[in-house]
Amino acid sequence: MNLLLHLEFFIAVAEEQHFGRAAARLGMTQPPLSQGVKKLERELGVTLFHRGSKGVVLTASGQALLPDAIDLIGQAQRFTDTARRRQAHERTLRVGVMPKVPTALVADLAATVRSFAGSGRVEVSIAPSADLVDQLGSGAIDLGVIEHPALVDPLTGTDVVPLPLTLLVPASHPAAAQDPCGLSRLTGLRFASPPRSDGPAAYDLLGDAFARVGTDLDVINAPDDRWALALVAAGQAFALTADHTLSAPGVGRVRPGDESIRLRLRCLRSASADVPDRVLDAMAARIAGYAAAGQVTS
């Protein structure tokens, strides 16, 4: 017998002094409630109520047991509440971030999520936006930072936060002396970038910006900023980065002439994640803060 459930039956009938009203309060019909009270009486070996045509009255045994029943239900609720609080503090929050997010910002986002995790853990993984959307959909991760635009329905998330991008070019290339630098001036250089499959819609949006100035992207694979920086330093390519400080000997940093070129980020939540909106909002605020700092230092 589910003792707590049957004690709730007992308390409701005792307080309402009527089986019909107690059943309505509990959201059930009267027959199973009446049967449940009788089952409790058999289990305890006492009669809890005097039953009459106008309602019920507690017996002496019922009056003696009612305070303990109320206390037991209260203890059970407190026990459940404590367990849920512990779960909230001890759980692991899994955060996925796409590779173009600067390292310092990834660390800042991890610290932001950690501040909401209580004594729980925060696990951070790096994966392409397309993979992160799949992982959020399956519940493999709780939160994700992806590049917009992307197909994310039915996931919930924040508004888009744009980050300014900087062109990395070989210092010996004429484009290094142009700030801002028109996209058409990047002749003779390949584009160091992750593959289109990482985020097709965002990739095509960037390709459109180059097409507007009559330039086709000749892409050389660079999974992240480190690879891209090495290719630029070797004189083989140019790259775009949202990192305020990414540089190396032989690498120039200039602003792109097309101001529409941005790294557009969104913070998303898995449908299965018990994470409040304020966590997503705090992550978006951190990204916006990084963007503002980049506009000052670029």
Protein backbone atom coordinates (compact mmCIF):
# COMPACT_ATOMS: atom_id res chain seq x y z
CA MET A 1 0.00 0.00 0.00
CA ASN A 2 1.20 3.52 -0.83
CA LEU A 3 1.02 4.89 2.72
CA LEU A 4 1.64 8.54 1.82
CA LEU A 5 -1.08 8.52 -0.83
CA HIS A 6 -3.60 6.99 1.56
CA LEU A 7 -2.64 9.45 4.28
CA GLU A 8 -3.41 12.26 1.83
CA PHE A 9 -6.85 10.67 1.35
CA PHE A 10 -7.33 10.60 5.13
CA ILE A 11 -6.28 14.23 5.59
CA ALA A 12 -8.48 15.50 2.75
CA VAL A 13 -11.59 13.72 4.07
CA ALA A 14 -10.87 14.86 7.63
CA GLU A 15 -10.49 18.49 6.59
CA GLU A 16 -13.45 18.55 4.19
CA GLN A 17 -15.66 16.35 6.41
CA HIS A 18 -17.23 15.01 3.24
CA PHE A 19 -16.07 12.36 0.75
CA GLY A 20 -17.46 14.22 -2.27
CA ARG A 21 -15.70 17.48 -1.47
CA ALA A 22 -12.49 15.63 -0.61
CA ALA A 23 -12.61 13.78 -3.94
CA ALA A 24 -13.05 17.07 -5.81
CA ARG A 25 -10.12 18.58 -3.93
CA LEU A 26 -7.91 15.62 -4.86
CA GLY A 27 -9.06 15.60 -8.47
CA MET A 28 -10.55 12.12 -8.35
CA THR A 29 -13.94 10.43 -8.14
CA GLN A 30 -15.52 9.47 -4.83
CA PRO A 31 -15.56 5.62 -5.05
CA PRO A 32 -11.77 5.10 -5.21
CA LEU A 33 -11.33 7.67 -2.43
CA SER A 34 -13.80 5.84 -0.19
CA GLN A 35 -12.13 2.53 -0.99
CA GLY A 36 -8.71 4.01 -0.25
CA VAL A 37 -9.80 5.24 3.20
CA LYS A 38 -11.30 1.84 4.01
CA LYS A 39 -8.03 0.19 2.93
CA LEU A 40 -6.09 2.49 5.24
CA GLU A 41 -8.44 1.66 8.12
CA ARG A 42 -7.93 -2.06 7.53
CA GLU A 43 -4.17 -1.59 7.38
CA LEU A 44 -4.11 0.39 10.64
CA GLY A 45 -6.75 -1.71 12.37
CA VAL A 46 -8.78 1.33 13.45
CA THR A 47 -11.88 3.20 12.31
CA LEU A 48 -11.00 6.75 11.31
CA PHE A 49 -14.45 8.18 10.59
CA HIS A 50 -18.06 7.97 11.70
CA ARG A 51 -19.93 7.99 8.40
CA GLY A 52 -23.36 9.60 8.05
CA SER A 53 -25.70 10.77 5.32
CA LYS A 54 -24.58 14.40 5.74
CA GLY A 55 -20.86 13.76 5.92
CA VAL A 56 -18.21 12.25 8.14
CA VAL A 57 -16.81 12.96 11.59
CA LEU A 58 -13.46 11.84 12.94
CA THR A 59 -13.49 9.08 15.51
CA ALA A 60 -11.33 9.38 18.61
CA SER A 61 -8.68 7.31 16.80
CA GLY A 62 -8.95 9.54 13.76
CA GLN A 63 -8.50 12.66 15.90
CA ALA A 64 -5.42 11.14 17.53
CA LEU A 65 -3.82 10.08 14.24
CA LEU A 66 -4.56 13.17 12.13
CA PRO A 67 -1.70 15.36 13.47
CA ASP A 68 0.82 12.58 12.85
CA ALA A 69 -0.54 12.06 9.33
CA ILE A 70 -0.16 15.76 8.56
CA ASP A 71 3.37 15.71 9.97
CA LEU A 72 4.34 12.66 7.89
CA ILE A 73 3.10 14.28 4.69
CA GLY A 74 5.02 17.44 5.55
CA GLN A 75 8.19 15.46 6.22
CA ALA A 76 7.82 13.63 2.91
CA GLN A 77 7.44 16.93 1.05
CA ARG A 78 10.47 18.41 2.80
CA PHE A 79 12.45 15.27 1.97
CA THR A 80 11.51 15.57 -1.70
CA ASP A 81 12.30 19.28 -1.80
CA THR A 82 15.71 18.71 -0.23
CA ALA A 83 16.51 15.94 -2.71
CA ARG A 84 15.58 18.18 -5.63
CA ARG A 85 17.73 21.00 -4.32
CA ARG A 86 20.65 18.62 -3.95
CA GLN A 87 20.12 17.38 -7.49
CA ALA A 88 20.15 20.95 -8.77
CA HIS A 89 23.41 21.63 -6.92
CA GLU A 90 25.16 18.36 -7.79
CA ARG A 91 24.17 17.77 -11.40
CA THR A 92 26.50 18.19 -14.35
CA LEU A 93 25.64 20.90 -16.86
CA ARG A 94 26.97 20.05 -20.31
CA VAL A 95 27.81 22.99 -22.56
CA GLY A 96 28.76 22.73 -26.23
CA VAL A 97 30.50 25.57 -28.06
CA MET A 98 31.30 25.95 -31.75
CA PRO A 99 35.02 26.26 -32.65
CA LYS A 100 34.99 29.91 -33.79
CA VAL A 101 34.15 31.16 -30.30
CA PRO A 102 37.34 32.73 -28.87
CA THR A 103 39.08 30.76 -26.13
CA ALA A 104 38.76 33.55 -23.55
CA LEU A 105 35.04 33.79 -24.23
CA VAL A 106 34.62 30.01 -23.91
CA ALA A 107 36.24 30.23 -20.48
CA ASP A 108 34.00 33.16 -19.55
CA LEU A 109 30.90 31.24 -20.62
CA ALA A 110 32.00 28.21 -18.61
CA ALA A 111 32.45 30.39 -15.52
CA THR A 112 29.05 31.97 -16.09
CA VAL A 113 27.29 28.61 -16.26
CA ARG A 114 29.31 27.42 -13.25
CA SER A 115 27.93 30.30 -11.17
CA PHE A 116 24.45 28.81 -11.63
CA ALA A 117 25.49 25.19 -11.08
CA GLY A 118 25.86 25.29 -7.28
CA SER A 119 28.22 22.50 -6.28
CA GLY A 120 27.62 20.72 -9.58
CA ARG A 121 30.05 20.34 -12.45
CA VAL A 122 30.24 22.06 -15.82
CA GLU A 123 31.53 20.10 -18.81
CA VAL A 124 32.50 22.02 -21.94
CA SER A 125 32.91 20.46 -25.37
CA ILE A 126 33.80 21.95 -28.75
CA ALA A 127 31.93 20.85 -31.86
CA PRO A 128 30.61 22.30 -35.13
CA SER A 129 27.29 24.11 -34.96
CA ALA A 130 25.49 21.41 -36.95
CA ASP A 131 26.66 18.76 -34.48
CA LEU A 132 25.71 20.90 -31.49
CA VAL A 133 22.16 21.30 -32.79
CA ASP A 134 21.89 17.50 -33.07
CA GLN A 135 23.31 17.04 -29.56
CA LEU A 136 20.87 19.56 -28.11
CA GLY A 137 18.01 17.82 -29.86
CA SER A 138 18.97 14.43 -28.43
CA GLY A 139 19.70 15.79 -24.95
CA ALA A 140 23.39 14.86 -25.15
CA ILE A 141 24.21 18.41 -24.04
CA ASP A 142 22.16 20.91 -22.04
CA LEU A 143 23.33 24.23 -23.50
CA GLY A 144 24.95 25.19 -26.76
CA VAL A 145 26.51 28.22 -28.42
CA ILE A 146 26.05 27.94 -32.18
CA GLU A 147 26.61 30.11 -35.22
CA HIS A 148 23.53 31.76 -36.71
CA PRO A 149 21.80 31.21 -39.07
CA ALA A 150 21.05 27.55 -38.48
CA LEU A 151 17.97 25.35 -38.33
CA VAL A 152 17.32 25.04 -34.60
CA ASP A 153 13.57 24.33 -34.23
CA PRO A 154 12.18 23.31 -31.77
CA LEU A 155 15.05 24.39 -29.50
CA THR A 156 14.65 27.53 -27.40
CA GLY A 157 17.33 30.17 -27.19
CA THR A 158 18.39 33.78 -26.97
CA ASP A 159 18.42 36.46 -29.60
CA VAL A 160 21.39 36.55 -31.95
CA VAL A 161 24.49 38.31 -30.58
CA PRO A 162 26.93 39.48 -33.30
CA LEU A 163 30.69 39.54 -32.69
CA PRO A 164 32.95 41.78 -34.80
CA LEU A 165 35.43 39.88 -36.96
CA THR A 166 39.02 40.75 -37.81
CA LEU A 167 40.85 39.75 -40.98
CA LEU A 168 44.12 37.91 -40.45
CA VAL A 169 46.39 38.32 -43.47
CA PRO A 170 50.06 37.59 -44.16
CA ALA A 171 52.05 40.67 -43.16
CA SER A 172 53.79 40.65 -46.54
CA HIS A 173 50.52 40.81 -48.49
CA PRO A 174 49.30 44.23 -49.72
CA ALA A 175 46.02 43.71 -47.85
CA ALA A 176 47.89 44.02 -44.55
CA ALA A 177 48.36 47.73 -45.27
CA GLN A 178 44.64 48.32 -45.87
CA ASP A 179 42.55 48.99 -42.76
CA PRO A 180 39.70 48.55 -43.34
CA CYS A 181 40.44 46.06 -46.08
CA GLY A 182 38.06 45.49 -48.97
CA LEU A 183 37.31 41.84 -49.60
CA SER A 184 38.36 42.17 -53.22
CA ARG A 185 41.93 42.97 -52.09
CA LEU A 186 42.51 39.45 -50.77
CA THR A 187 43.66 38.19 -54.17
CA GLY A 188 46.10 35.31 -54.29
CA LEU A 189 45.10 34.03 -50.85
CA ARG A 190 42.95 31.06 -49.95
CA PHE A 191 40.38 31.29 -47.15
CA ALA A 192 41.32 29.31 -44.03
CA SER A 193 37.98 28.10 -42.68
CA PRO A 194 36.14 25.11 -41.26
CA PRO A 195 34.23 23.14 -43.93
CA ARG A 196 30.77 24.20 -45.08
CA SER A 197 29.23 21.15 -43.40
CA ASP A 198 30.00 22.68 -39.99
CA GLY A 199 27.33 25.35 -40.58
CA PRO A 200 25.99 25.50 -44.15
CA ALA A 201 23.71 28.53 -43.77
CA ALA A 202 26.34 30.72 -42.08
CA TYR A 203 28.98 29.58 -44.58
CA ASP A 204 26.76 30.52 -47.52
CA LEU A 205 25.99 33.91 -45.98
CA LEU A 206 29.71 34.69 -45.87
CA GLY A 207 30.13 33.42 -49.42
CA ASP A 208 27.44 35.85 -50.54
CA ALA A 209 29.41 38.77 -49.06
CA PHE A 210 32.45 37.84 -51.14
CA ALA A 211 30.33 37.22 -54.23
CA ARG A 212 29.01 40.79 -54.00
CA VAL A 213 32.53 42.07 -54.73
CA GLY A 214 33.15 39.49 -57.44
CA THR A 215 35.33 37.17 -55.35
CA ASP A 216 34.90 33.43 -55.02
CA LEU A 217 36.10 31.76 -51.84
CA ASP A 218 38.95 29.30 -52.38
CA VAL A 219 38.76 27.43 -49.10
CA ILE A 220 41.55 25.58 -47.34
CA ASN A 221 40.41 23.53 -44.35
CA ALA A 222 41.19 25.02 -40.94
CA PRO A 223 39.12 23.42 -38.14
CA ASP A 224 39.78 26.26 -35.69
CA ASP A 225 41.60 29.54 -35.17
CA ARG A 226 44.93 27.87 -34.37
CA TRP A 227 45.02 26.11 -37.72
CA ALA A 228 43.90 29.25 -39.50
CA LEU A 229 46.59 31.35 -37.81
CA ALA A 230 49.29 28.89 -38.86
CA LEU A 231 48.13 28.96 -42.48
CA VAL A 232 48.10 32.77 -42.47
CA ALA A 233 51.57 32.92 -40.90
CA ALA A 234 52.79 30.55 -43.62
CA GLY A 235 51.58 33.02 -46.25
CA GLN A 236 49.02 30.63 -47.72
CA ALA A 237 45.71 32.10 -46.62
CA PHE A 238 43.66 34.77 -44.95
CA ALA A 239 41.25 34.09 -42.09
CA LEU A 240 38.49 35.72 -40.08
CA THR A 241 38.58 35.65 -36.30
CA ALA A 242 36.47 37.00 -33.45
CA ASP A 243 39.43 36.70 -31.08
CA HIS A 244 40.60 40.13 -29.91
CA THR A 245 44.21 39.10 -29.46
CA LEU A 246 44.90 36.28 -31.92
CA SER A 247 48.11 37.06 -33.79
CA ALA A 248 51.58 35.75 -34.56
CA PRO A 249 54.80 36.96 -36.20
CA GLY A 250 54.19 37.52 -39.88
CA VAL A 251 50.44 38.03 -39.41
CA GLY A 252 48.61 41.32 -39.87
CA ARG A 253 45.24 42.21 -38.33
CA VAL A 254 42.89 44.51 -40.26
CA ARG A 255 39.17 45.23 -40.22
CA PRO A 256 37.08 43.80 -43.06
CA GLY A 257 35.64 46.47 -45.35
CA ASP A 258 32.21 44.84 -45.31
CA GLU A 259 30.65 45.61 -41.92
CA SER A 260 27.98 42.96 -42.45
CA ILE A 261 30.59 40.28 -41.80
CA ARG A 262 30.05 39.18 -38.22
CA LEU A 263 30.17 36.00 -36.18
CA ARG A 264 26.53 35.71 -35.16
CA LEU A 265 26.03 33.57 -32.08
CA ARG A 266 22.98 32.16 -30.32
CA CYS A 267 22.73 30.41 -26.97
CA LEU A 268 20.37 27.43 -27.09
CA ARG A 269 18.88 25.04 -24.53
CA SER A 270 17.93 21.41 -24.95
CA ALA A 271 14.23 20.68 -24.51
CA SER A 272 15.16 18.08 -21.88
CA ALA A 273 17.40 20.43 -19.86
CA ASP A 274 16.05 21.84 -16.60
CA VAL A 275 17.93 25.12 -17.01
CA PRO A 276 16.22 28.47 -16.30
CA ASP A 277 16.08 31.28 -18.84
CA ARG A 278 18.36 33.42 -16.69
CA VAL A 279 21.30 31.10 -17.47
CA LEU A 280 20.83 31.60 -21.21
CA ASP A 281 20.40 35.33 -20.68
CA ALA A 282 23.62 35.51 -18.65
CA MET A 283 25.52 33.65 -21.39
CA ALA A 284 24.20 36.02 -24.05
CA ALA A 285 25.20 38.99 -21.89
CA ARG A 286 28.77 37.64 -21.65
CA ILE A 287 28.94 37.33 -25.42
CA ALA A 288 27.60 40.86 -25.84
CA GLY A 289 30.22 42.12 -23.39
CA TYR A 290 32.97 40.43 -25.36
CA ALA A 291 31.60 41.95 -28.56
CA ALA A 292 31.63 45.43 -27.05
CA ALA A 293 35.22 45.00 -25.90
CA GLY A 294 36.19 43.86 -29.39
CA GLN A 295 34.73 46.98 -30.97
CA VAL A 296 36.92 49.07 -28.67
CA THR A 297 40.15 47.14 -29.23
CA SER A 298 39.83 46.32 -32.94
